């Protein structure tokens, strides 16, 4: 990462980096190592943040595996890396007409009810330009974590907003707040919100029935049918740790290859996690893929993959 950051000529305003858990530890892990890993990931996070501009917003996540398109190679084949050390950083410069901001809600042990006024502070409410919210739950195995996630997801479950993401192992960075304030034992949600009238987005869910090349390609074809402009667009893939090559009977990289077949020029990033957030939905202007008949979409899943496109407007 440091080598990568040295080559940057446009100052980033927002950075999302995702590292595989093995980057911070070896394979076998005992309690002491877990503590050391937490310390190590914090040190790595602080070192990385020192390389970035002071006012840069940084969100760093640790996941069981990652999906990345290596930008250095000309072939730009997206890769699903399920084992071994890997990581990437997405650096967003200032983009005209687009606002990207980070947010964090942690479960308050005193209050059972989430205070929804915090949504407005985070720009997730009374914001007509809000288009896409990438959401990541951490410490999802804690009691009350799923209920808390529902409290965050349900109010955002609107036709005009695309929601996508998943459950990660932990987050290592959120520079918009005091790092020491993160309660190690709490559960919560961190994320990135994309606002701006020119943003277009679409997302499809590859559910448990999608278990071979044909059905994977059919799902990506639905994403292609959304006709989202392909320049200045990023793809995200949030897959269950139970999918990948074991799910597809030892065929590796199946979903990333299917994505590339239909979107050869869009880089794909994401991770393998412990649960997925998303549904089938398309927002292009006022066009919505399917009317929900005011029935809210079910957004929390397991053994699925969420594929999302975010178009950031036409670059000047």
Foldseek 3Di string as FASTA:
>chain_A
DLVVLVPDDFAFQEKEKEKELCQQHPDDDDPVRVVSSLVSLLVVVVVVVVSHDPNHWYWYFYAQWKWWQPPVDPQRQIFTGRDDIDMDMDGHHDAPQKDKDKDKDWDDPVDLADDCVVCVVRVNPPNVQWAEKEKEKEPCVDPCNVVQVCNVVVVSLDQRYFYKYYYGHGINDGPVDDNVPDDPNIIIMMIMIMGGQQKWKWKAKAALVPQELVSLLVRLVVVVVLVDDQPQKAKEKEFASPPACVSNVNDGPRNSNSNCVSRVPHIYIYTHHHWIFGHGWTHDPNDIPDDPVPPGDDGIGHRMMMMMMIHPHDHD
